[in-house]
C-alpha atoms as a PDB file:
ATOM      1  CA  UNK A   1     114.489  93.936 128.014  1.00  0.00           C
ATOM      2  CA  UNK A   2     117.268  91.353 127.847  1.00  0.00           C
ATOM      3  CA  UNK A   3     120.745  91.588 125.635  1.00  0.00           C
ATOM      4  CA  UNK A   4     117.649  89.045 123.349  1.00  0.00           C
ATOM      5  CA  UNK A   5     115.446  91.348 123.446  1.00  0.00           C
ATOM      6  CA  UNK A   6     118.207  94.364 121.764  1.00  0.00           C
ATOM      7  CA  UNK A   7     119.488  91.249 119.777  1.00  0.00           C
ATOM      8  CA  UNK A   8     116.732  90.726 117.627  1.00  0.00           C
ATOM      9  CA  UNK A   9     114.734  94.894 118.336  1.00  0.00           C
ATOM     10  CA  UNK A  10     118.419  95.882 116.671  1.00  0.00           C
ATOM     11  CA  UNK A  11     118.321  93.233 113.783  1.00  0.00           C
ATOM     12  CA  UNK A  12     113.844  94.326 113.453  1.00  0.00           C
ATOM     13  CA  UNK A  13     114.530  97.860 112.664  1.00  0.00           C
ATOM     14  CA  UNK A  14     117.508  97.483 110.867  1.00  0.00           C
ATOM     15  CA  UNK A  15     115.444  94.303 108.363  1.00  0.00           C
ATOM     16  CA  UNK A  16     112.228  95.606 107.519  1.00  0.00           C
ATOM     17  CA  UNK A  17     114.443  99.110 106.564  1.00  0.00           C
ATOM     18  CA  UNK A  18     116.027  97.610 104.130  1.00  0.00           C
ATOM     19  CA  UNK A  19     113.083  96.266 101.765  1.00  0.00           C
ATOM     20  CA  UNK A  20     112.291  99.442 100.161  1.00  0.00           C
ATOM     21  CA  UNK A  21     116.571  99.512  98.977  1.00  0.00           C
ATOM     22  CA  UNK A  22     116.852  95.878  97.861  1.00  0.00           C
ATOM     23  CA  UNK A  23     114.030  96.882  95.907  1.00  0.00           C
ATOM     24  CA  UNK A  24     114.485  99.648  94.009  1.00  0.00           C
ATOM     25  CA  UNK A  25     117.860  97.760  93.260  1.00  0.00           C
ATOM     26  CA  UNK A  26     115.293  95.234  91.488  1.00  0.00           C
ATOM     27  CA  UNK A  27     113.056  97.178  89.381  1.00  0.00           C
ATOM     28  CA  UNK A  28     115.983  99.086  87.879  1.00  0.00           C
ATOM     29  CA  UNK A  29     116.072  95.209  85.922  1.00  0.00           C
ATOM     30  CA  UNK A  30     113.091  93.592  87.039  1.00  0.00           C
ATOM     31  CA  UNK A  31     109.352  93.669  86.693  1.00  0.00           C
ATOM     32  CA  UNK A  32     107.416  94.284  89.911  1.00  0.00           C
ATOM     33  CA  UNK A  33     105.045  90.689  88.801  1.00  0.00           C
ATOM     34  CA  UNK A  34     108.967  89.052  88.690  1.00  0.00           C
ATOM     35  CA  UNK A  35     110.413  90.349  92.480  1.00  0.00           C
ATOM     36  CA  UNK A  36     106.895  89.729  94.007  1.00  0.00           C
ATOM     37  CA  UNK A  37     106.852  86.071  92.201  1.00  0.00           C
ATOM     38  CA  UNK A  38     110.201  85.406  92.674  1.00  0.00           C
ATOM     39  CA  UNK A  39     110.233  87.292  96.862  1.00  0.00           C
ATOM     40  CA  UNK A  40     106.826  85.012  97.679  1.00  0.00           C
ATOM     41  CA  UNK A  41     108.692  81.355  95.701  1.00  0.00           C
ATOM     42  CA  UNK A  42     111.868  82.168  98.041  1.00  0.00           C
ATOM     43  CA  UNK A  43     109.924  83.084 101.045  1.00  0.00           C
ATOM     44  CA  UNK A  44     107.671  79.938 100.631  1.00  0.00           C
ATOM     45  CA  UNK A  45     110.294  77.660  99.999  1.00  0.00           C
ATOM     46  CA  UNK A  46     111.442  78.190 103.579  1.00  0.00           C
ATOM     47  CA  UNK A  47     108.263  79.261 105.551  1.00  0.00           C
ATOM     48  CA  UNK A  48     105.562  76.499 104.047  1.00  0.00           C
ATOM     49  CA  UNK A  49     107.945  72.967 104.993  1.00  0.00           C
ATOM     50  CA  UNK A  50     108.044  75.112 109.145  1.00  0.00           C
ATOM     51  CA  UNK A  51     104.362  75.464 108.937  1.00  0.00           C
ATOM     52  CA  UNK A  52     103.885  71.264 108.001  1.00  0.00           C
ATOM     53  CA  UNK A  53     106.055  70.401 110.579  1.00  0.00           C
ATOM     54  CA  UNK A  54     104.989  72.123 113.425  1.00  0.00           C
ATOM     55  CA  UNK A  55     101.076  70.955 112.335  1.00  0.00           C
ATOM     56  CA  UNK A  56      99.727  74.593 111.520  1.00  0.00           C
ATOM     57  CA  UNK A  57      99.119  74.182 107.765  1.00  0.00           C
ATOM     58  CA  UNK A  58      95.576  72.146 107.765  1.00  0.00           C
ATOM     59  CA  UNK A  59      94.250  74.243 111.149  1.00  0.00           C
ATOM     60  CA  UNK A  60      95.170  77.253 109.044  1.00  0.00           C
ATOM     61  CA  UNK A  61      92.849  76.428 106.358  1.00  0.00           C
ATOM     62  CA  UNK A  62      90.324  76.159 107.574  1.00  0.00           C
ATOM     63  CA  UNK A  63      89.909  79.954 107.346  1.00  0.00           C
ATOM     64  CA  UNK A  64      91.042  80.270 103.625  1.00  0.00           C
ATOM     65  CA  UNK A  65      87.516  82.722 102.970  1.00  0.00           C
ATOM     66  CA  UNK A  66      89.797  84.816 105.443  1.00  0.00           C
ATOM     67  CA  UNK A  67      94.183  83.730 103.894  1.00  0.00           C
ATOM     68  CA  UNK A  68      92.742  84.506 100.377  1.00  0.00           C
ATOM     69  CA  UNK A  69      90.948  88.137 102.106  1.00  0.00           C
ATOM     70  CA  UNK A  70      94.514  89.348 104.498  1.00  0.00           C
ATOM     71  CA  UNK A  71      96.857  87.817 101.164  1.00  0.00           C
ATOM     72  CA  UNK A  72      95.713  90.483  99.076  1.00  0.00           C
ATOM     73  CA  UNK A  73      95.920  93.663 101.590  1.00  0.00           C
ATOM     74  CA  UNK A  74      99.285  92.353 102.931  1.00  0.00           C
ATOM     75  CA  UNK A  75     101.161  91.014 100.389  1.00  0.00           C
ATOM     76  CA  UNK A  76      99.305  90.225  97.137  1.00  0.00           C
ATOM     77  CA  UNK A  77      98.362  94.107  96.209  1.00  0.00           C
ATOM     78  CA  UNK A  78     101.324  95.848  98.099  1.00  0.00           C
ATOM     79  CA  UNK A  79     104.205  94.109  97.204  1.00  0.00           C
ATOM     80  CA  UNK A  80     102.958  94.915  94.394  1.00  0.00           C
ATOM     81  CA  UNK A  81     102.602  98.125  94.114  1.00  0.00           C
ATOM     82  CA  UNK A  82     105.505  98.952  95.937  1.00  0.00           C
ATOM     83  CA  UNK A  83     107.116  97.667  93.618  1.00  0.00           C
ATOM     84  CA  UNK A  84     105.638  99.830  90.915  1.00  0.00           C
ATOM     85  CA  UNK A  85     106.110 102.995  92.276  1.00  0.00           C
ATOM     86  CA  UNK A  86     109.749 102.625  93.225  1.00  0.00           C
ATOM     87  CA  UNK A  87     110.300 102.741  89.157  1.00  0.00           C
ATOM     88  CA  UNK A  88     109.615 106.546  89.520  1.00  0.00           C
ATOM     89  CA  UNK A  89     109.978 107.015  93.168  1.00  0.00           C
ATOM     90  CA  UNK A  90     113.350 106.637  95.339  1.00  0.00           C
ATOM     91  CA  UNK A  91     113.712 104.229  97.775  1.00  0.00           C
ATOM     92  CA  UNK A  92     113.363 106.879 100.927  1.00  0.00           C
ATOM     93  CA  UNK A  93     110.094 108.866  99.559  1.00  0.00           C
ATOM     94  CA  UNK A  94     108.518 105.721  99.545  1.00  0.00           C
ATOM     95  CA  UNK A  95     109.860 104.241 102.802  1.00  0.00           C
ATOM     96  CA  UNK A  96     108.956 107.637 105.179  1.00  0.00           C
ATOM     97  CA  UNK A  97     104.993 107.804 102.973  1.00  0.00           C
ATOM     98  CA  UNK A  98     105.242 103.547 103.982  1.00  0.00           C
ATOM     99  CA  UNK A  99     105.628 104.942 107.326  1.00  0.00           C
ATOM    100  CA  UNK A 100     101.961 106.994 107.370  1.00  0.00           C
ATOM    101  CA  UNK A 101     100.434 103.026 108.168  1.00  0.00           C
ATOM    102  CA  UNK A 102      99.987 103.613 111.312  1.00  0.00           C
ATOM    103  CA  UNK A 103      97.659 106.256 111.287  1.00  0.00           C
ATOM    104  CA  UNK A 104      95.551 104.962 108.689  1.00  0.00           C
ATOM    105  CA  UNK A 105      95.296 102.132 110.771  1.00  0.00           C
ATOM    106  CA  UNK A 106      94.271 103.885 113.695  1.00  0.00           C
ATOM    107  CA  UNK A 107      91.322 105.748 111.653  1.00  0.00           C
ATOM    108  CA  UNK A 108      89.751 102.627 110.396  1.00  0.00           C
ATOM    109  CA  UNK A 109      90.521 100.527 113.605  1.00  0.00           C
ATOM    110  CA  UNK A 110      88.212 103.299 115.378  1.00  0.00           C
ATOM    111  CA  UNK A 111      86.222 103.195 112.204  1.00  0.00           C
ATOM    112  CA  UNK A 112      85.421 100.021 112.199  1.00  0.00           C
ATOM    113  CA  UNK A 113      84.873  99.794 116.687  1.00  0.00           C
ATOM    114  CA  UNK A 114      87.910  97.789 117.323  1.00  0.00           C
ATOM    115  CA  UNK A 115      89.772 100.711 118.451  1.00  0.00           C
ATOM    116  CA  UNK A 116      90.171 102.873 122.160  1.00  0.00           C
ATOM    117  CA  UNK A 117      88.788 105.715 122.273  1.00  0.00           C
ATOM    118  CA  UNK A 118      90.445 108.168 120.238  1.00  0.00           C
ATOM    119  CA  UNK A 119      92.340 110.629 123.328  1.00  0.00           C
ATOM    120  CA  UNK A 120      93.648 113.910 122.001  1.00  0.00           C
ATOM    121  CA  UNK A 121      97.425 113.420 122.380  1.00  0.00           C
ATOM    122  CA  UNK A 122      96.427 110.615 119.612  1.00  0.00           C
ATOM    123  CA  UNK A 123      94.782 113.014 117.936  1.00  0.00           C
ATOM    124  CA  UNK A 124      97.824 115.087 117.968  1.00  0.00           C
ATOM    125  CA  UNK A 125      99.947 112.386 116.749  1.00  0.00           C
ATOM    126  CA  UNK A 126      97.641 111.440 113.732  1.00  0.00           C
ATOM    127  CA  UNK A 127      97.507 115.683 113.112  1.00  0.00           C
ATOM    128  CA  UNK A 128     101.533 115.624 113.476  1.00  0.00           C
ATOM    129  CA  UNK A 129     102.218 113.092 110.504  1.00  0.00           C
ATOM    130  CA  UNK A 130      99.795 113.628 108.048  1.00  0.00           C
ATOM    131  CA  UNK A 131     101.789 117.648 108.972  1.00  0.00           C
ATOM    132  CA  UNK A 132     104.805 115.158 107.985  1.00  0.00           C
ATOM    133  CA  UNK A 133     103.935 114.222 104.719  1.00  0.00           C
ATOM    134  CA  UNK A 134     102.000 116.158 103.926  1.00  0.00           C
ATOM    135  CA  UNK A 135     105.313 118.182 104.005  1.00  0.00           C
ATOM    136  CA  UNK A 136     107.050 115.163 102.082  1.00  0.00           C
ATOM    137  CA  UNK A 137     104.705 115.534  99.544  1.00  0.00           C
ATOM    138  CA  UNK A 138     104.871 119.189  99.961  1.00  0.00           C
ATOM    139  CA  UNK A 139     108.517 119.886  98.846  1.00  0.00           C
ATOM    140  CA  UNK A 140     110.213 115.434  97.625  1.00  0.00           C
ATOM    141  CA  UNK A 141     107.244 114.994  94.966  1.00  0.00           C
ATOM    142  CA  UNK A 142     108.073 117.656  91.487  1.00  0.00           C
ATOM    143  CA  UNK A 143     107.376 115.659  89.136  1.00  0.00           C
ATOM    144  CA  UNK A 144     106.737 112.728  90.134  1.00  0.00           C
ATOM    145  CA  UNK A 145     103.641 111.265  88.174  1.00  0.00           C
ATOM    146  CA  UNK A 146     100.486 110.565  90.055  1.00  0.00           C
ATOM    147  CA  UNK A 147      99.655 107.108  89.418  1.00  0.00           C
ATOM    148  CA  UNK A 148     102.698 106.432  92.146  1.00  0.00           C
ATOM    149  CA  UNK A 149     101.279 108.456  94.820  1.00  0.00           C
ATOM    150  CA  UNK A 150      98.315 107.150  94.631  1.00  0.00           C
ATOM    151  CA  UNK A 151     100.156 102.796  94.549  1.00  0.00           C
ATOM    152  CA  UNK A 152     102.368 104.151  97.913  1.00  0.00           C
ATOM    153  CA  UNK A 153      98.317 105.404  98.760  1.00  0.00           C
ATOM    154  CA  UNK A 154      96.546 101.787  98.192  1.00  0.00           C
ATOM    155  CA  UNK A 155      99.826 100.513 100.047  1.00  0.00           C
ATOM    156  CA  UNK A 156      98.275 102.289 103.076  1.00  0.00           C
ATOM    157  CA  UNK A 157      94.795 100.463 103.303  1.00  0.00           C
ATOM    158  CA  UNK A 158      95.579  96.929 102.465  1.00  0.00           C
ATOM    159  CA  UNK A 159      98.191  97.252 105.370  1.00  0.00           C
ATOM    160  CA  UNK A 160      95.971  99.263 107.790  1.00  0.00           C
ATOM    161  CA  UNK A 161      93.000  96.155 106.404  1.00  0.00           C
ATOM    162  CA  UNK A 162      95.213  93.526 106.597  1.00  0.00           C
ATOM    163  CA  UNK A 163      95.525  93.583 110.884  1.00  0.00           C
ATOM    164  CA  UNK A 164      91.584  94.264 110.537  1.00  0.00           C
ATOM    165  CA  UNK A 165      90.980  90.502 108.667  1.00  0.00           C
ATOM    166  CA  UNK A 166      93.227  89.026 111.366  1.00  0.00           C
ATOM    167  CA  UNK A 167      91.669  90.040 114.075  1.00  0.00           C
ATOM    168  CA  UNK A 168      88.951  89.323 113.557  1.00  0.00           C
ATOM    169  CA  UNK A 169      88.579  86.557 111.256  1.00  0.00           C
ATOM    170  CA  UNK A 170      92.318  85.082 111.571  1.00  0.00           C
ATOM    171  CA  UNK A 171      92.649  84.905 115.733  1.00  0.00           C
ATOM    172  CA  UNK A 172      93.770  81.470 116.259  1.00  0.00           C
ATOM    173  CA  UNK A 173      95.801  81.344 113.870  1.00  0.00           C
ATOM    174  CA  UNK A 174      99.553  81.701 114.180  1.00  0.00           C
ATOM    175  CA  UNK A 175     101.666  84.516 111.830  1.00  0.00           C
ATOM    176  CA  UNK A 176     103.791  82.484 110.609  1.00  0.00           C
ATOM    177  CA  UNK A 177     101.187  80.204 108.951  1.00  0.00           C
ATOM    178  CA  UNK A 178      98.834  82.282 108.338  1.00  0.00           C
ATOM    179  CA  UNK A 179     102.490  84.477 106.376  1.00  0.00           C
ATOM    180  CA  UNK A 180     103.822  81.058 104.813  1.00  0.00           C
ATOM    181  CA  UNK A 181     100.218  79.714 102.829  1.00  0.00           C
ATOM    182  CA  UNK A 182     100.321  84.322 101.868  1.00  0.00           C
ATOM    183  CA  UNK A 183     103.563  84.117 100.362  1.00  0.00           C
ATOM    184  CA  UNK A 184     102.566  80.556  98.670  1.00  0.00           C
ATOM    185  CA  UNK A 185      98.783  81.510  97.137  1.00  0.00           C
ATOM    186  CA  UNK A 186     100.422  85.579  95.629  1.00  0.00           C
ATOM    187  CA  UNK A 187     103.248  82.760  94.017  1.00  0.00           C
ATOM    188  CA  UNK A 188     100.325  81.109  92.177  1.00  0.00           C
ATOM    189  CA  UNK A 189      98.537  84.585  91.640  1.00  0.00           C
ATOM    190  CA  UNK A 190     101.477  85.336  90.002  1.00  0.00           C
ATOM    191  CA  UNK A 191     103.167  83.090  88.461  1.00  0.00           C
ATOM    192  CA  UNK A 192     101.294  83.307  85.165  1.00  0.00           C
ATOM    193  CA  UNK A 193     102.582  86.980  84.402  1.00  0.00           C
ATOM    194  CA  UNK A 194     106.270  86.086  84.837  1.00  0.00           C
ATOM    195  CA  UNK A 195     105.796  83.128  82.504  1.00  0.00           C
ATOM    196  CA  UNK A 196     106.592  85.374  79.491  1.00  0.00           C
ATOM    197  CA  UNK A 197     109.710  87.132  81.017  1.00  0.00           C
ATOM    198  CA  UNK A 198     111.894  84.197  82.288  1.00  0.00           C
ATOM    199  CA  UNK A 199     113.793  84.157  78.957  1.00  0.00           C
ATOM    200  CA  UNK A 200     115.036  87.866  79.744  1.00  0.00           C
ATOM    201  CA  UNK A 201     116.538  87.460  83.525  1.00  0.00           C
ATOM    202  CA  UNK A 202     120.204  86.286  82.115  1.00  0.00           C
ATOM    203  CA  UNK A 203     120.491  89.674  81.561  1.00  0.00           C
ATOM    204  CA  UNK A 204     119.438  90.383  85.371  1.00  0.00           C
ATOM    205  CA  UNK A 205     122.816  91.298  86.659  1.00  0.00           C
ATOM    206  CA  UNK A 206     124.067  90.214  90.239  1.00  0.00           C
ATOM    207  CA  UNK A 207     123.399  92.571  92.182  1.00  0.00           C
ATOM    208  CA  UNK A 208     119.480  92.655  91.119  1.00  0.00           C
ATOM    209  CA  UNK A 209     119.693  89.421  91.939  1.00  0.00           C
ATOM    210  CA  UNK A 210     121.558  89.112  94.740  1.00  0.00           C
ATOM    211  CA  UNK A 211     118.632  91.929  95.990  1.00  0.00           C
ATOM    212  CA  UNK A 212     115.155  89.557  94.667  1.00  0.00           C
ATOM    213  CA  UNK A 213     116.729  86.633  97.444  1.00  0.00           C
ATOM    214  CA  UNK A 214     118.037  88.942  99.366  1.00  0.00           C
ATOM    215  CA  UNK A 215     113.764  89.848  99.875  1.00  0.00           C
ATOM    216  CA  UNK A 216     112.809  86.244  99.778  1.00  0.00           C
ATOM    217  CA  UNK A 217     115.208  85.468 102.821  1.00  0.00           C
ATOM    218  CA  UNK A 218     116.282  88.331 104.516  1.00  0.00           C
ATOM    219  CA  UNK A 219     113.528  90.118 104.944  1.00  0.00           C
ATOM    220  CA  UNK A 220     110.644  87.658 104.524  1.00  0.00           C
ATOM    221  CA  UNK A 221     111.444  84.789 106.154  1.00  0.00           C
ATOM    222  CA  UNK A 222     113.745  85.663 108.350  1.00  0.00           C
ATOM    223  CA  UNK A 223     112.646  88.742 109.441  1.00  0.00           C
ATOM    224  CA  UNK A 224     109.008  86.132 110.501  1.00  0.00           C
ATOM    225  CA  UNK A 225     110.863  84.743 112.187  1.00  0.00           C
ATOM    226  CA  UNK A 226     113.330  86.329 113.800  1.00  0.00           C
ATOM    227  CA  UNK A 227     109.752  89.016 114.586  1.00  0.00           C
ATOM    228  CA  UNK A 228     107.718  86.506 116.299  1.00  0.00           C
ATOM    229  CA  UNK A 229     110.614  85.639 117.932  1.00  0.00           C
ATOM    230  CA  UNK A 230     110.513  89.512 119.522  1.00  0.00           C
ATOM    231  CA  UNK A 231     106.970  88.942 120.480  1.00  0.00           C
ATOM    232  CA  UNK A 232     107.886  86.133 122.289  1.00  0.00           C
ATOM    233  CA  UNK A 233     110.488  87.642 124.499  1.00  0.00           C
ATOM    234  CA  UNK A 234     108.962  91.709 125.288  1.00  0.00           C
ATOM    235  CA  UNK A 235     105.835  91.252 124.643  1.00  0.00           C
ATOM    236  CA  UNK A 236     103.500  92.844 121.552  1.00  0.00           C
ATOM    237  CA  UNK A 237     103.416  96.616 122.301  1.00  0.00           C
ATOM    238  CA  UNK A 238     107.142  96.773 121.819  1.00  0.00           C
ATOM    239  CA  UNK A 239     108.088  94.916 119.143  1.00  0.00           C
ATOM    240  CA  UNK A 240     105.876  97.493 117.227  1.00  0.00           C
ATOM    241  CA  UNK A 241     108.513  99.877 118.606  1.00  0.00           C
ATOM    242  CA  UNK A 242     110.385  98.257 115.558  1.00  0.00           C
ATOM    243  CA  UNK A 243     107.896 100.703 113.255  1.00  0.00           C
ATOM    244  CA  UNK A 244     109.246 103.968 114.256  1.00  0.00           C
ATOM    245  CA  UNK A 245     112.693 102.757 113.024  1.00  0.00           C
ATOM    246  CA  UNK A 246     113.001 100.891 109.919  1.00  0.00           C
ATOM    247  CA  UNK A 247     111.306 104.720 107.785  1.00  0.00           C
ATOM    248  CA  UNK A 248     114.916 106.188 109.050  1.00  0.00           C
ATOM    249  CA  UNK A 249     116.464 102.961 108.068  1.00  0.00           C
ATOM    250  CA  UNK A 250     114.982 102.742 104.228  1.00  0.00           C
ATOM    251  CA  UNK A 251     116.370 106.022 104.797  1.00  0.00           C
ATOM    252  CA  UNK A 252     119.327 106.179 105.666  1.00  0.00           C
ATOM    253  CA  UNK A 253     119.956 103.438 103.019  1.00  0.00           C
ATOM    254  CA  UNK A 254     118.734 105.096 100.278  1.00  0.00           C
ATOM    255  CA  UNK A 255     121.149 108.194 100.703  1.00  0.00           C
ATOM    256  CA  UNK A 256     124.567 106.276 101.263  1.00  0.00           C
ATOM    257  CA  UNK A 257     123.886 103.469  99.377  1.00  0.00           C
ATOM    258  CA  UNK A 258     122.533 104.791  96.610  1.00  0.00           C
ATOM    259  CA  UNK A 259     123.348 107.779  96.513  1.00  0.00           C
ATOM    260  CA  UNK A 260     119.070 109.964  96.486  1.00  0.00           C
ATOM    261  CA  UNK A 261     119.804 112.870  98.361  1.00  0.00           C
ATOM    262  CA  UNK A 262     119.250 114.307 101.447  1.00  0.00           C
ATOM    263  CA  UNK A 263     116.529 116.603 100.741  1.00  0.00           C
ATOM    264  CA  UNK A 264     114.609 118.896 102.865  1.00  0.00           C
ATOM    265  CA  UNK A 265     111.502 117.371 102.669  1.00  0.00           C
ATOM    266  CA  UNK A 266     113.253 114.502 103.938  1.00  0.00           C
ATOM    267  CA  UNK A 267     114.673 116.132 106.979  1.00  0.00           C
ATOM    268  CA  UNK A 268     111.464 118.312 108.408  1.00  0.00           C
ATOM    269  CA  UNK A 269     109.109 115.351 107.382  1.00  0.00           C
ATOM    270  CA  UNK A 270     111.139 112.598 108.599  1.00  0.00           C
ATOM    271  CA  UNK A 271     111.018 114.045 112.587  1.00  0.00           C
ATOM    272  CA  UNK A 272     107.019 114.806 112.169  1.00  0.00           C
ATOM    273  CA  UNK A 273     106.290 111.173 110.840  1.00  0.00           C
ATOM    274  CA  UNK A 274     108.428 109.456 113.229  1.00  0.00           C
ATOM    275  CA  UNK A 275     106.740 111.433 116.521  1.00  0.00           C
ATOM    276  CA  UNK A 276     103.758 111.177 114.554  1.00  0.00           C
ATOM    277  CA  UNK A 277     103.364 107.636 114.422  1.00  0.00           C
ATOM    278  CA  UNK A 278     104.829 107.297 118.577  1.00  0.00           C
ATOM    279  CA  UNK A 279     101.877 109.603 119.446  1.00  0.00           C
ATOM    280  CA  UNK A 280      99.352 108.230 117.200  1.00  0.00           C
ATOM    281  CA  UNK A 281      99.484 104.448 117.861  1.00  0.00           C
ATOM    282  CA  UNK A 282     100.318 105.205 121.798  1.00  0.00           C
ATOM    283  CA  UNK A 283      97.933 103.262 123.926  1.00  0.00           C
ATOM    284  CA  UNK A 284      95.115 104.755 126.004  1.00  0.00           C
ATOM    285  CA  UNK A 285      95.251 103.533 130.307  1.00  0.00           C
ATOM    286  CA  UNK A 286      92.947 101.530 129.410  1.00  0.00           C
ATOM    287  CA  UNK A 287      93.559  97.930 129.540  1.00  0.00           C
ATOM    288  CA  UNK A 288      93.502  95.947 126.046  1.00  0.00           C
ATOM    289  CA  UNK A 289      93.857  92.378 125.017  1.00  0.00           C
ATOM    290  CA  UNK A 290      97.341  92.289 123.558  1.00  0.00           C
ATOM    291  CA  UNK A 291      97.257  91.493 119.193  1.00  0.00           C
ATOM    292  CA  UNK A 292      97.111  88.218 117.713  1.00  0.00           C
ATOM    293  CA  UNK A 293     101.465  86.954 116.300  1.00  0.00           C
ATOM    294  CA  UNK A 294      99.655  87.851 113.005  1.00  0.00           C
ATOM    295  CA  UNK A 295      98.045  90.779 113.805  1.00  0.00           C
ATOM    296  CA  UNK A 296     101.132  92.381 115.311  1.00  0.00           C
ATOM    297  CA  UNK A 297     102.647  90.860 112.108  1.00  0.00           C
ATOM    298  CA  UNK A 298     100.120  92.684 109.749  1.00  0.00           C
ATOM    299  CA  UNK A 299     100.625  96.273 111.494  1.00  0.00           C
ATOM    300  CA  UNK A 300     104.558  96.144 111.903  1.00  0.00           C
ATOM    301  CA  UNK A 301     104.920  95.244 108.088  1.00  0.00           C
END
């Protein structure tokens, strides 16, 4: 891998491990609806002009029905559910639970005939990952409410379904274009739910505001731009390796910056989840068509 590739890889590994920390800081003072709205407004304000300038907006809008489904699965639903869950769950645990997306995605793709056969190694990886998540649930969620855990379960389904929507209905739509439209639509959807909350923003602290802006600028707009640059530099399969590093970053940041405990569940579950992700997403020997940019973006987040 080139030096530029390594720089992009390290940057993305960190950037997409940060959102759980920023969400945890923000939801202590703002509602999940406000968090999603601000994040999407900031991201759309930066990415939509780019999409328009490159002449990609109108061609993408021809697929508006599929884009609405993509929006629901990738942003409007998951981002709200993660923020809701982190009102009670730690950022470390949330990041690790969301790492279960590759297992759900591999199973869903297989059931729909979108994936190559499940080899023994991949089946082993899924089993190891499920055991890791089971360890987390068994050791770290004592006393946790059921609804936040169910919310993360829905996040896994949404993030797993997003790439399938892309590969089936949006193969020719560039990832940044699809994402910028999805950001705009999500902001519009959440705007009415935040209309009565703006009077409370005066009481929001500077760290919470910085977290909201950081989510929109760094973890959304900048992250998407850098990620597609990484794909062009090292290829989509190598780019996907960041999904194995993000959970570790989320745990590290939660422990170091938020004083979240490094529990026995994390100590045992983290390596199991990471090893399971690596094995479960391992490619078979048979050559397959490379996934589109938007599909890679969906599966990575």
